[in-house]
Amino acid sequence: MKRTQIQLTEAQFFELKNLSSSRNTSMAELIRQAVDSFLDSSPVISRDERKRRAIAAVGQFHSGLGDLAADHDRYLEGAYADDDDIH
């Protein structure tokens, strides 16, 4: 195991301390369980999978614009200008 240090709010500390006492386990064990649960629910997509997905998306969409490749900077500038109007 690797040692690390974290900071909790007072409320988190006291709730965790009470829970660890009621479950007869350490605060560290409860934190490890919480981290495991978080990691299990937040899967990381591997670089190979991201690459596969990107390649699969190539050619799947059509802009309908015949000059997009030549004038992409102008279209991008327009898209950013539209975003500024929204916010």
PDB file of N, CA and C in Angstrom:
ATOM      1  N   MET A   1       0.839  -1.178   0.000  1.00  0.00           N
ATOM      2  CA  MET A   1       0.000   0.000   0.000  1.00  0.00           C
ATOM      3  C   MET A   1       0.878   1.233   0.000  1.00  0.00           C
ATOM      4  N   LYS A   2       0.310   2.313  -0.511  1.00  0.00           N
ATOM      5  CA  LYS A   2       0.989   3.601  -0.524  1.00  0.00           C
ATOM      6  C   LYS A   2       0.299   4.524   0.470  1.00  0.00           C
ATOM      7  N   ARG A   3       1.083   5.240   1.211  1.00  0.00           N
ATOM      8  CA  ARG A   3       0.536   6.190   2.173  1.00  0.00           C
ATOM      9  C   ARG A   3       0.262   7.508   1.455  1.00  0.00           C
ATOM     10  N   THR A   4      -0.873   8.110   1.765  1.00  0.00           N
ATOM     11  CA  THR A   4      -1.208   9.423   1.216  1.00  0.00           C
ATOM     12  C   THR A   4      -1.899  10.228   2.298  1.00  0.00           C
ATOM     13  N   GLN A   5      -2.030  11.487   2.048  1.00  0.00           N
ATOM     14  CA  GLN A   5      -2.653  12.368   3.031  1.00  0.00           C
ATOM     15  C   GLN A   5      -3.773  13.133   2.338  1.00  0.00           C
ATOM     16  N   ILE A   6      -4.910  13.237   2.999  1.00  0.00           N
ATOM     17  CA  ILE A   6      -6.039  13.975   2.445  1.00  0.00           C
ATOM     18  C   ILE A   6      -6.565  14.940   3.492  1.00  0.00           C
ATOM     19  N   GLN A   7      -7.340  15.891   3.035  1.00  0.00           N
ATOM     20  CA  GLN A   7      -7.999  16.808   3.955  1.00  0.00           C
ATOM     21  C   GLN A   7      -9.502  16.647   3.792  1.00  0.00           C
ATOM     22  N   LEU A   8     -10.182  16.517   4.903  1.00  0.00           N
ATOM     23  CA  LEU A   8     -11.633  16.393   4.927  1.00  0.00           C
ATOM     24  C   LEU A   8     -12.224  17.606   5.623  1.00  0.00           C
ATOM     25  N   THR A   9     -13.454  17.903   5.289  1.00  0.00           N
ATOM     26  CA  THR A   9     -14.144  18.928   6.063  1.00  0.00           C
ATOM     27  C   THR A   9     -14.399  18.353   7.447  1.00  0.00           C
ATOM     28  N   GLU A  10     -14.702  19.221   8.386  1.00  0.00           N
ATOM     29  CA  GLU A  10     -14.996  18.731   9.739  1.00  0.00           C
ATOM     30  C   GLU A  10     -16.184  17.778   9.714  1.00  0.00           C
ATOM     31  N   ALA A  11     -17.202  18.131   8.940  1.00  0.00           N
ATOM     32  CA  ALA A  11     -18.395  17.276   8.852  1.00  0.00           C
ATOM     33  C   ALA A  11     -18.033  15.910   8.282  1.00  0.00           C
ATOM     34  N   GLN A  12     -17.233  15.885   7.214  1.00  0.00           N
ATOM     35  CA  GLN A  12     -16.825  14.614   6.624  1.00  0.00           C
ATOM     36  C   GLN A  12     -16.040  13.782   7.637  1.00  0.00           C
ATOM     37  N   PHE A  13     -15.121  14.431   8.340  1.00  0.00           N
ATOM     38  CA  PHE A  13     -14.302  13.730   9.319  1.00  0.00           C
ATOM     39  C   PHE A  13     -15.158  13.079  10.399  1.00  0.00           C
ATOM     40  N   PHE A  14     -16.071  13.863  10.980  1.00  0.00           N
ATOM     41  CA  PHE A  14     -16.874  13.319  12.077  1.00  0.00           C
ATOM     42  C   PHE A  14     -17.855  12.253  11.603  1.00  0.00           C
ATOM     43  N   GLU A  15     -18.446  12.431  10.425  1.00  0.00           N
ATOM     44  CA  GLU A  15     -19.334  11.404   9.873  1.00  0.00           C
ATOM     45  C   GLU A  15     -18.563  10.123   9.591  1.00  0.00           C
ATOM     46  N   LEU A  16     -17.381  10.256   9.018  1.00  0.00           N
ATOM     47  CA  LEU A  16     -16.559   9.093   8.716  1.00  0.00           C
ATOM     48  C   LEU A  16     -16.090   8.406   9.999  1.00  0.00           C
ATOM     49  N   LYS A  17     -15.730   9.192  10.992  1.00  0.00           N
ATOM     50  CA  LYS A  17     -15.299   8.632  12.282  1.00  0.00           C
ATOM     51  C   LYS A  17     -16.446   7.848  12.930  1.00  0.00           C
ATOM     52  N   ASN A  18     -17.647   8.421  12.912  1.00  0.00           N
ATOM     53  CA  ASN A  18     -18.813   7.723  13.472  1.00  0.00           C
ATOM     54  C   ASN A  18     -19.120   6.445  12.699  1.00  0.00           C
ATOM     55  N   LEU A  19     -19.054   6.523  11.375  1.00  0.00           N
ATOM     56  CA  LEU A  19     -19.333   5.345  10.551  1.00  0.00           C
ATOM     57  C   LEU A  19     -18.294   4.252  10.793  1.00  0.00           C
ATOM     58  N   SER A  20     -17.035   4.643  10.886  1.00  0.00           N
ATOM     59  CA  SER A  20     -15.991   3.636  11.114  1.00  0.00           C
ATOM     60  C   SER A  20     -16.168   2.976  12.478  1.00  0.00           C
ATOM     61  N   SER A  21     -16.595   3.750  13.458  1.00  0.00           N
ATOM     62  CA  SER A  21     -16.831   3.188  14.790  1.00  0.00           C
ATOM     63  C   SER A  21     -18.006   2.209  14.760  1.00  0.00           C
ATOM     64  N   SER A  22     -19.087   2.608  14.082  1.00  0.00           N
ATOM     65  CA  SER A  22     -20.269   1.743  14.045  1.00  0.00           C
ATOM     66  C   SER A  22     -20.020   0.473  13.235  1.00  0.00           C
ATOM     67  N   ARG A  23     -19.126   0.522  12.267  1.00  0.00           N
ATOM     68  CA  ARG A  23     -18.818  -0.656  11.445  1.00  0.00           C
ATOM     69  C   ARG A  23     -17.596  -1.424  11.964  1.00  0.00           C
ATOM     70  N   ASN A  24     -17.017  -0.892  13.019  1.00  0.00           N
ATOM     71  CA  ASN A  24     -15.849  -1.526  13.630  1.00  0.00           C
ATOM     72  C   ASN A  24     -14.713  -1.717  12.616  1.00  0.00           C
ATOM     73  N   THR A  25     -14.448  -0.656  11.867  1.00  0.00           N
ATOM     74  CA  THR A  25     -13.371  -0.675  10.879  1.00  0.00           C
ATOM     75  C   THR A  25     -12.670   0.679  10.905  1.00  0.00           C
ATOM     76  N   SER A  26     -11.571   0.788  10.231  1.00  0.00           N
ATOM     77  CA  SER A  26     -10.814   2.041  10.250  1.00  0.00           C
ATOM     78  C   SER A  26     -11.379   3.049   9.249  1.00  0.00           C
ATOM     79  N   MET A  27     -11.085   4.306   9.497  1.00  0.00           N
ATOM     80  CA  MET A  27     -11.467   5.351   8.553  1.00  0.00           C
ATOM     81  C   MET A  27     -10.742   5.122   7.231  1.00  0.00           C
ATOM     82  N   ALA A  28      -9.486   4.692   7.312  1.00  0.00           N
ATOM     83  CA  ALA A  28      -8.707   4.441   6.096  1.00  0.00           C
ATOM     84  C   ALA A  28      -9.369   3.366   5.231  1.00  0.00           C
ATOM     85  N   GLU A  29      -9.883   2.317   5.863  1.00  0.00           N
ATOM     86  CA  GLU A  29     -10.544   1.258   5.101  1.00  0.00           C
ATOM     87  C   GLU A  29     -11.809   1.777   4.424  1.00  0.00           C
ATOM     88  N   LEU A  30     -12.570   2.604   5.121  1.00  0.00           N
ATOM     89  CA  LEU A  30     -13.775   3.183   4.509  1.00  0.00           C
ATOM     90  C   LEU A  30     -13.404   4.072   3.325  1.00  0.00           C
ATOM     91  N   ILE A  31     -12.335   4.830   3.458  1.00  0.00           N
ATOM     92  CA  ILE A  31     -11.890   5.688   2.357  1.00  0.00           C
ATOM     93  C   ILE A  31     -11.437   4.832   1.186  1.00  0.00           C
ATOM     94  N   ARG A  32     -10.693   3.750   1.437  1.00  0.00           N
ATOM     95  CA  ARG A  32     -10.283   2.847   0.353  1.00  0.00           C
ATOM     96  C   ARG A  32     -11.498   2.256  -0.360  1.00  0.00           C
ATOM     97  N   GLN A  33     -12.517   1.860   0.408  1.00  0.00           N
ATOM     98  CA  GLN A  33     -13.736   1.315  -0.195  1.00  0.00           C
ATOM     99  C   GLN A  33     -14.435   2.367  -1.055  1.00  0.00           C
ATOM    100  N   ALA A  34     -14.475   3.595  -0.562  1.00  0.00           N
ATOM    101  CA  ALA A  34     -15.115   4.676  -1.324  1.00  0.00           C
ATOM    102  C   ALA A  34     -14.351   4.950  -2.623  1.00  0.00           C
ATOM    103  N   VAL A  35     -13.021   4.945  -2.554  1.00  0.00           N
ATOM    104  CA  VAL A  35     -12.203   5.164  -3.751  1.00  0.00           C
ATOM    105  C   VAL A  35     -12.414   4.020  -4.741  1.00  0.00           C
ATOM    106  N   ASP A  36     -12.438   2.775  -4.258  1.00  0.00           N
ATOM    107  CA  ASP A  36     -12.699   1.638  -5.142  1.00  0.00           C
ATOM    108  C   ASP A  36     -14.046   1.768  -5.839  1.00  0.00           C
ATOM    109  N   SER A  37     -15.051   2.165  -5.086  1.00  0.00           N
ATOM    110  CA  SER A  37     -16.386   2.332  -5.654  1.00  0.00           C
ATOM    111  C   SER A  37     -16.379   3.417  -6.731  1.00  0.00           C
ATOM    112  N   PHE A  38     -15.712   4.520  -6.453  1.00  0.00           N
ATOM    113  CA  PHE A  38     -15.617   5.611  -7.427  1.00  0.00           C
ATOM    114  C   PHE A  38     -14.894   5.150  -8.688  1.00  0.00           C
ATOM    115  N   LEU A  39     -13.777   4.469  -8.521  1.00  0.00           N
ATOM    116  CA  LEU A  39     -13.008   4.000  -9.675  1.00  0.00           C
ATOM    117  C   LEU A  39     -13.781   2.981 -10.501  1.00  0.00           C
ATOM    118  N   ASP A  40     -14.527   2.118  -9.839  1.00  0.00           N
ATOM    119  CA  ASP A  40     -15.332   1.124 -10.558  1.00  0.00           C
ATOM    120  C   ASP A  40     -16.431   1.780 -11.382  1.00  0.00           C
ATOM    121  N   SER A  41     -16.957   2.903 -10.896  1.00  0.00           N
ATOM    122  CA  SER A  41     -18.048   3.574 -11.609  1.00  0.00           C
ATOM    123  C   SER A  41     -17.541   4.586 -12.630  1.00  0.00           C
ATOM    124  N   SER A  42     -16.246   4.793 -12.695  1.00  0.00           N
ATOM    125  CA  SER A  42     -15.647   5.748 -13.632  1.00  0.00           C
ATOM    126  C   SER A  42     -14.564   5.065 -14.451  1.00  0.00           C
ATOM    127  N   PRO A  43     -14.965   4.159 -15.353  1.00  0.00           N
ATOM    128  CA  PRO A  43     -13.948   3.420 -16.100  1.00  0.00           C
ATOM    129  C   PRO A  43     -13.135   4.346 -17.004  1.00  0.00           C
ATOM    130  N   VAL A  44     -11.865   4.078 -17.079  1.00  0.00           N
ATOM    131  CA  VAL A  44     -10.964   4.835 -17.939  1.00  0.00           C
ATOM    132  C   VAL A  44     -10.910   4.122 -19.284  1.00  0.00           C
ATOM    133  N   ILE A  45     -11.060   4.888 -20.340  1.00  0.00           N
ATOM    134  CA  ILE A  45     -11.002   4.318 -21.679  1.00  0.00           C
ATOM    135  C   ILE A  45      -9.538   4.310 -22.112  1.00  0.00           C
ATOM    136  N   SER A  46      -9.045   3.152 -22.515  1.00  0.00           N
ATOM    137  CA  SER A  46      -7.643   3.020 -22.910  1.00  0.00           C
ATOM    138  C   SER A  46      -7.357   3.835 -24.170  1.00  0.00           C
ATOM    139  N   ARG A  47      -6.086   4.123 -24.375  1.00  0.00           N
ATOM    140  CA  ARG A  47      -5.674   4.874 -25.551  1.00  0.00           C
ATOM    141  C   ARG A  47      -6.052   4.111 -26.828  1.00  0.00           C
ATOM    142  N   ASP A  48      -5.857   2.808 -26.814  1.00  0.00           N
ATOM    143  CA  ASP A  48      -6.207   1.992 -27.986  1.00  0.00           C
ATOM    144  C   ASP A  48      -7.700   2.066 -28.293  1.00  0.00           C
ATOM    145  N   GLU A  49      -8.533   2.050 -27.239  1.00  0.00           N
ATOM    146  CA  GLU A  49      -9.986   2.134 -27.448  1.00  0.00           C
ATOM    147  C   GLU A  49     -10.379   3.516 -27.970  1.00  0.00           C
ATOM    148  N   ARG A  50      -9.773   4.570 -27.438  1.00  0.00           N
ATOM    149  CA  ARG A  50     -10.063   5.922 -27.942  1.00  0.00           C
ATOM    150  C   ARG A  50      -9.680   6.024 -29.412  1.00  0.00           C
ATOM    151  N   LYS A  51      -8.524   5.451 -29.779  1.00  0.00           N
ATOM    152  CA  LYS A  51      -8.074   5.466 -31.173  1.00  0.00           C
ATOM    153  C   LYS A  51      -9.047   4.696 -32.057  1.00  0.00           C
ATOM    154  N   ARG A  52      -9.481   3.520 -31.592  1.00  0.00           N
ATOM    155  CA  ARG A  52     -10.422   2.718 -32.368  1.00  0.00           C
ATOM    156  C   ARG A  52     -11.718   3.485 -32.608  1.00  0.00           C
ATOM    157  N   ARG A  53     -12.221   4.152 -31.557  1.00  0.00           N
ATOM    158  CA  ARG A  53     -13.464   4.923 -31.691  1.00  0.00           C
ATOM    159  C   ARG A  53     -13.300   6.095 -32.652  1.00  0.00           C
ATOM    160  N   ALA A  54     -12.151   6.761 -32.588  1.00  0.00           N
ATOM    161  CA  ALA A  54     -11.909   7.903 -33.481  1.00  0.00           C
ATOM    162  C   ALA A  54     -11.864   7.441 -34.935  1.00  0.00           C
ATOM    163  N   ILE A  55     -11.170   6.347 -35.176  1.00  0.00           N
ATOM    164  CA  ILE A  55     -11.083   5.820 -36.545  1.00  0.00           C
ATOM    165  C   ILE A  55     -12.455   5.378 -37.039  1.00  0.00           C
ATOM    166  N   ALA A  56     -13.249   4.802 -36.164  1.00  0.00           N
ATOM    167  CA  ALA A  56     -14.593   4.358 -36.561  1.00  0.00           C
ATOM    168  C   ALA A  56     -15.487   5.541 -36.914  1.00  0.00           C
ATOM    169  N   ALA A  57     -15.223   6.703 -36.332  1.00  0.00           N
ATOM    170  CA  ALA A  57     -16.057   7.880 -36.592  1.00  0.00           C
ATOM    171  C   ALA A  57     -15.702   8.576 -37.907  1.00  0.00           C
ATOM    172  N   VAL A  58     -14.510   8.313 -38.412  1.00  0.00           N
ATOM    173  CA  VAL A  58     -14.064   8.973 -39.648  1.00  0.00           C
ATOM    174  C   VAL A  58     -15.019   8.637 -40.785  1.00  0.00           C
ATOM    175  N   GLY A  59     -15.471   9.668 -41.447  1.00  0.00           N
ATOM    176  CA  GLY A  59     -16.341   9.493 -42.603  1.00  0.00           C
ATOM    177  C   GLY A  59     -17.791   9.226 -42.269  1.00  0.00           C
ATOM    178  N   GLN A  60     -18.160   9.222 -41.013  1.00  0.00           N
ATOM    179  CA  GLN A  60     -19.534   8.916 -40.610  1.00  0.00           C
ATOM    180  C   GLN A  60     -20.459  10.130 -40.671  1.00  0.00           C
ATOM    181  N   PHE A  61     -19.892  11.314 -40.816  1.00  0.00           N
ATOM    182  CA  PHE A  61     -20.692  12.532 -40.784  1.00  0.00           C
ATOM    183  C   PHE A  61     -20.398  13.381 -42.007  1.00  0.00           C
ATOM    184  N   HIS A  62     -21.377  14.145 -42.425  1.00  0.00           N
ATOM    185  CA  HIS A  62     -21.210  15.015 -43.582  1.00  0.00           C
ATOM    186  C   HIS A  62     -21.708  16.403 -43.216  1.00  0.00           C
ATOM    187  N   SER A  63     -20.866  17.394 -43.459  1.00  0.00           N
ATOM    188  CA  SER A  63     -21.205  18.770 -43.093  1.00  0.00           C
ATOM    189  C   SER A  63     -22.184  19.402 -44.068  1.00  0.00           C
ATOM    190  N   GLY A  64     -22.209  18.892 -45.292  1.00  0.00           N
ATOM    191  CA  GLY A  64     -23.035  19.511 -46.313  1.00  0.00           C
ATOM    192  C   GLY A  64     -22.368  20.726 -46.942  1.00  0.00           C
ATOM    193  N   LEU A  65     -21.147  21.002 -46.530  1.00  0.00           N
ATOM    194  CA  LEU A  65     -20.407  22.154 -47.046  1.00  0.00           C
ATOM    195  C   LEU A  65     -19.331  21.663 -48.001  1.00  0.00           C
ATOM    196  N   GLY A  66     -19.342  22.163 -49.218  1.00  0.00           N
ATOM    197  CA  GLY A  66     -18.362  21.741 -50.205  1.00  0.00           C
ATOM    198  C   GLY A  66     -16.988  22.331 -50.004  1.00  0.00           C
ATOM    199  N   ASP A  67     -16.898  23.436 -49.246  1.00  0.00           N
ATOM    200  CA  ASP A  67     -15.618  24.122 -49.089  1.00  0.00           C
ATOM    201  C   ASP A  67     -15.069  24.039 -47.658  1.00  0.00           C
ATOM    202  N   LEU A  68     -15.557  23.091 -46.870  1.00  0.00           N
ATOM    203  CA  LEU A  68     -15.147  23.009 -45.464  1.00  0.00           C
ATOM    204  C   LEU A  68     -13.645  22.800 -45.309  1.00  0.00           C
ATOM    205  N   ALA A  69     -13.053  21.928 -46.116  1.00  0.00           N
ATOM    206  CA  ALA A  69     -11.620  21.673 -45.986  1.00  0.00           C
ATOM    207  C   ALA A  69     -10.806  22.922 -46.288  1.00  0.00           C
ATOM    208  N   ALA A  70     -11.196  23.666 -47.307  1.00  0.00           N
ATOM    209  CA  ALA A  70     -10.444  24.862 -47.703  1.00  0.00           C
ATOM    210  C   ALA A  70     -10.699  26.037 -46.765  1.00  0.00           C
ATOM    211  N   ASP A  71     -11.920  26.156 -46.242  1.00  0.00           N
ATOM    212  CA  ASP A  71     -12.292  27.324 -45.435  1.00  0.00           C
ATOM    213  C   ASP A  71     -12.574  26.980 -43.976  1.00  0.00           C
ATOM    214  N   HIS A  72     -11.933  25.939 -43.465  1.00  0.00           N
ATOM    215  CA  HIS A  72     -12.236  25.502 -42.103  1.00  0.00           C
ATOM    216  C   HIS A  72     -11.970  26.581 -41.064  1.00  0.00           C
ATOM    217  N   ASP A  73     -10.954  27.433 -41.261  1.00  0.00           N
ATOM    218  CA  ASP A  73     -10.668  28.486 -40.284  1.00  0.00           C
ATOM    219  C   ASP A  73     -11.839  29.471 -40.186  1.00  0.00           C
ATOM    220  N   ARG A  74     -12.402  29.833 -41.318  1.00  0.00           N
ATOM    221  CA  ARG A  74     -13.533  30.768 -41.328  1.00  0.00           C
ATOM    222  C   ARG A  74     -14.746  30.161 -40.623  1.00  0.00           C
ATOM    223  N   TYR A  75     -15.015  28.871 -40.877  1.00  0.00           N
ATOM    224  CA  TYR A  75     -16.140  28.210 -40.213  1.00  0.00           C
ATOM    225  C   TYR A  75     -15.904  28.084 -38.700  1.00  0.00           C
ATOM    226  N   LEU A  76     -14.675  27.781 -38.326  1.00  0.00           N
ATOM    227  CA  LEU A  76     -14.351  27.663 -36.902  1.00  0.00           C
ATOM    228  C   LEU A  76     -14.497  29.012 -36.203  1.00  0.00           C
ATOM    229  N   GLU A  77     -14.019  30.062 -36.848  1.00  0.00           N
ATOM    230  CA  GLU A  77     -14.166  31.409 -36.282  1.00  0.00           C
ATOM    231  C   GLU A  77     -15.641  31.749 -36.097  1.00  0.00           C
ATOM    232  N   GLY A  78     -16.451  31.406 -37.062  1.00  0.00           N
ATOM    233  CA  GLY A  78     -17.883  31.652 -36.949  1.00  0.00           C
ATOM    234  C   GLY A  78     -18.521  30.853 -35.827  1.00  0.00           C
ATOM    235  N   ALA A  79     -18.077  29.618 -35.659  1.00  0.00           N
ATOM    236  CA  ALA A  79     -18.626  28.775 -34.586  1.00  0.00           C
ATOM    237  C   ALA A  79     -18.278  29.348 -33.226  1.00  0.00           C
ATOM    238  N   TYR A  80     -17.036  29.815 -33.058  1.00  0.00           N
ATOM    239  CA  TYR A  80     -16.645  30.413 -31.779  1.00  0.00           C
ATOM    240  C   TYR A  80     -17.388  31.719 -31.532  1.00  0.00           C
ATOM    241  N   ALA A  81     -17.625  32.490 -32.574  1.00  0.00           N
ATOM    242  CA  ALA A  81     -18.374  33.746 -32.427  1.00  0.00           C
ATOM    243  C   ALA A  81     -19.801  33.443 -31.982  1.00  0.00           C
ATOM    244  N   ASP A  82     -20.402  32.374 -32.532  1.00  0.00           N
ATOM    245  CA  ASP A  82     -21.754  31.987 -32.128  1.00  0.00           C
ATOM    246  C   ASP A  82     -21.789  31.573 -30.661  1.00  0.00           C
ATOM    247  N   ASP A  83     -20.742  30.865 -30.192  1.00  0.00           N
ATOM    248  CA  ASP A  83     -20.671  30.457 -28.781  1.00  0.00           C
ATOM    249  C   ASP A  83     -20.603  31.663 -27.867  1.00  0.00           C
ATOM    250  N   ASP A  84     -19.875  32.706 -28.296  1.00  0.00           N
ATOM    251  CA  ASP A  84     -19.761  33.917 -27.466  1.00  0.00           C
ATOM    252  C   ASP A  84     -21.109  34.608 -27.331  1.00  0.00           C
ATOM    253  N   ASP A  85     -21.923  34.531 -28.387  1.00  0.00           N
ATOM    254  CA  ASP A  85     -23.254  35.150 -28.330  1.00  0.00           C
ATOM    255  C   ASP A  85     -24.169  34.426 -27.350  1.00  0.00           C
ATOM    256  N   ILE A  86     -23.965  33.129 -27.181  1.00  0.00           N
ATOM    257  CA  ILE A  86     -24.816  32.323 -26.301  1.00  0.00           C
ATOM    258  C   ILE A  86     -24.512  32.620 -24.850  1.00  0.00           C
ATOM    259  N   HIS A  87     -23.236  32.788 -24.490  1.00  0.00           N
ATOM    260  CA  HIS A  87     -22.837  32.945 -23.092  1.00  0.00           C
ATOM    261  C   HIS A  87     -22.939  34.357 -22.734  1.00  0.00           C
TER     262      HIS A  87
END
